[in-house]
Amino acid sequence: TKNAKAATYFEVGSTGIRTCKVCGQVLSKKAIAKKTYTAPSITGGKKKITVKYKAVSGATGFEVRYKIKGSWKPAKYTTKKAKTIAIKKLKKGKYQVQVRAVKGKEKTNWSKVKKITVK
């Protein structure tokens, strides 16, 4: 096996190139998808949502997006040091929230959707 590489939150990995030692024929080569970002912990309060997320090594920041119906609202950006973001002045209803890590121009996949009720 040559050039095997583990997947990270920011890069696709590879199982490497497996070749026959006798004839040199390529036997297998497979890409491994990026890791999926862990779904955040979310609490809903009176007209606000508090999102707590886990750190990712190498991340320079995080994006949080939400929606009540229709399309997603523009992502809110926060720095690496803060592991919590509060989204305030929301209307009552059931919201969907997602988080992803950012490293320069690279971004992880969005986390699974979490649902929360704002009162």
Protein backbone atom coordinates (compact mmCIF):
# COMPACT_ATOMS: atom_id res chain seq x y z
CA THR A 1 0.00 0.00 0.00
CA LYS A 2 1.30 3.46 -0.97
CA ASN A 3 0.04 6.97 -0.18
CA ALA A 4 -2.60 5.98 2.41
CA LYS A 5 -4.06 9.03 4.13
CA ALA A 6 -6.69 9.38 6.87
CA ALA A 7 -9.68 11.65 6.23
CA THR A 8 -9.99 14.83 8.29
CA TYR A 9 -12.77 17.38 8.68
CA PHE A 10 -11.15 19.45 5.91
CA GLU A 11 -9.67 16.86 3.52
CA VAL A 12 -10.70 13.66 1.76
CA GLY A 13 -8.59 10.66 2.73
CA SER A 14 -7.47 7.57 0.81
CA THR A 15 -7.00 3.89 1.53
CA GLY A 16 -3.89 4.15 -0.62
CA ILE A 17 -2.87 2.41 -3.80
CA ARG A 18 -2.51 -1.35 -3.43
CA THR A 19 -0.36 -2.96 -6.08
CA CYS A 20 0.87 -6.45 -6.83
CA LYS A 21 4.56 -6.80 -5.87
CA VAL A 22 5.17 -9.25 -8.71
CA CYS A 23 3.50 -7.63 -11.77
CA GLY A 24 2.84 -4.08 -10.50
CA GLN A 25 -0.89 -4.20 -11.29
CA VAL A 26 -3.07 -1.78 -9.30
CA LEU A 27 -5.41 -3.90 -7.16
CA SER A 28 -7.40 -1.23 -5.34
CA LYS A 29 -7.62 2.47 -4.65
CA LYS A 30 -10.45 4.07 -2.68
CA ALA A 31 -11.18 7.61 -1.49
CA ILE A 32 -12.52 8.17 2.03
CA ALA A 33 -15.05 11.00 2.49
CA LYS A 34 -14.38 13.95 4.81
CA LYS A 35 -15.45 13.47 8.41
CA THR A 36 -18.90 14.83 9.20
CA TYR A 37 -19.00 17.54 11.83
CA THR A 38 -20.68 16.48 15.09
CA ALA A 39 -24.16 17.87 15.66
CA PRO A 40 -24.15 20.71 18.20
CA SER A 41 -25.89 20.95 21.55
CA ILE A 42 -28.75 23.43 21.27
CA THR A 43 -31.01 25.06 23.84
CA GLY A 44 -33.99 27.25 23.08
CA GLY A 45 -35.16 30.08 25.25
CA LYS A 46 -37.37 33.09 25.03
CA LYS A 47 -36.74 34.55 21.55
CA LYS A 48 -33.25 33.03 21.30
CA ILE A 49 -31.23 29.91 20.49
CA THR A 50 -27.93 29.03 22.20
CA VAL A 51 -25.65 26.74 20.18
CA LYS A 52 -22.71 24.91 21.85
CA TYR A 53 -20.31 23.05 19.58
CA LYS A 54 -17.09 21.04 19.85
CA ALA A 55 -13.67 22.34 18.84
CA VAL A 56 -11.97 21.04 15.69
CA SER A 57 -8.16 21.03 15.48
CA GLY A 58 -6.95 23.48 12.85
CA ALA A 59 -10.24 25.38 12.65
CA THR A 60 -10.05 29.17 12.53
CA GLY A 61 -13.76 29.64 13.15
CA PHE A 62 -17.25 28.20 12.92
CA GLU A 63 -20.44 29.00 11.01
CA VAL A 64 -23.95 28.52 12.38
CA ARG A 65 -27.05 28.68 10.18
CA TYR A 66 -30.74 28.32 11.01
CA LYS A 67 -34.19 28.36 9.46
CA ILE A 68 -37.81 28.19 10.53
CA LYS A 69 -39.30 27.60 7.05
CA GLY A 70 -37.95 27.86 3.54
CA SER A 71 -34.31 28.67 2.90
CA TRP A 72 -31.46 28.90 5.40
CA LYS A 73 -30.58 32.29 6.90
CA PRO A 74 -27.04 33.54 6.14
CA ALA A 75 -24.47 31.79 8.33
CA LYS A 76 -23.36 33.52 11.53
CA TYR A 77 -19.58 33.37 11.99
CA THR A 78 -17.76 33.01 15.28
CA THR A 79 -14.09 32.66 16.27
CA LYS A 80 -12.34 29.48 17.39
CA LYS A 81 -12.07 30.65 21.01
CA ALA A 82 -15.83 30.94 21.47
CA LYS A 83 -17.51 27.53 21.55
CA THR A 84 -20.96 29.01 22.09
CA ILE A 85 -23.04 31.37 19.98
CA ALA A 86 -26.39 32.94 20.85
CA ILE A 87 -28.83 33.91 18.14
CA LYS A 88 -31.25 36.46 19.55
CA LYS A 89 -34.42 38.34 18.54
CA LEU A 90 -36.09 35.28 17.01
CA LYS A 91 -39.79 34.69 16.49
CA LYS A 92 -41.63 31.84 18.21
CA GLY A 93 -41.53 28.54 16.34
CA LYS A 94 -39.64 25.37 15.56
CA TYR A 95 -36.17 26.05 14.16
CA GLN A 96 -33.58 23.88 12.43
CA VAL A 97 -29.90 24.59 13.14
CA GLN A 98 -26.58 23.40 11.62
CA VAL A 99 -22.88 24.12 12.38
CA ARG A 100 -19.64 23.70 10.42
CA ALA A 101 -15.98 24.47 11.04
CA VAL A 102 -13.94 26.85 8.87
CA LYS A 103 -10.19 26.80 8.17
CA GLY A 104 -9.24 29.72 5.94
CA LYS A 105 -11.30 29.19 2.77
CA GLU A 106 -11.90 25.49 3.51
CA LYS A 107 -15.14 24.46 5.21
CA THR A 108 -16.32 21.19 6.68
CA ASN A 109 -19.61 19.58 5.77
CA TRP A 110 -22.59 20.95 7.70
CA SER A 111 -23.52 18.96 10.81
CA LYS A 112 -26.76 17.01 10.96
CA VAL A 113 -29.82 19.19 11.45
CA LYS A 114 -30.89 19.75 15.06
CA LYS A 115 -34.42 20.93 15.83
CA ILE A 116 -35.32 23.31 18.64
CA THR A 117 -38.42 25.23 19.75
CA VAL A 118 -38.20 28.95 20.52
CA LYS A 119 -40.84 30.29 22.91
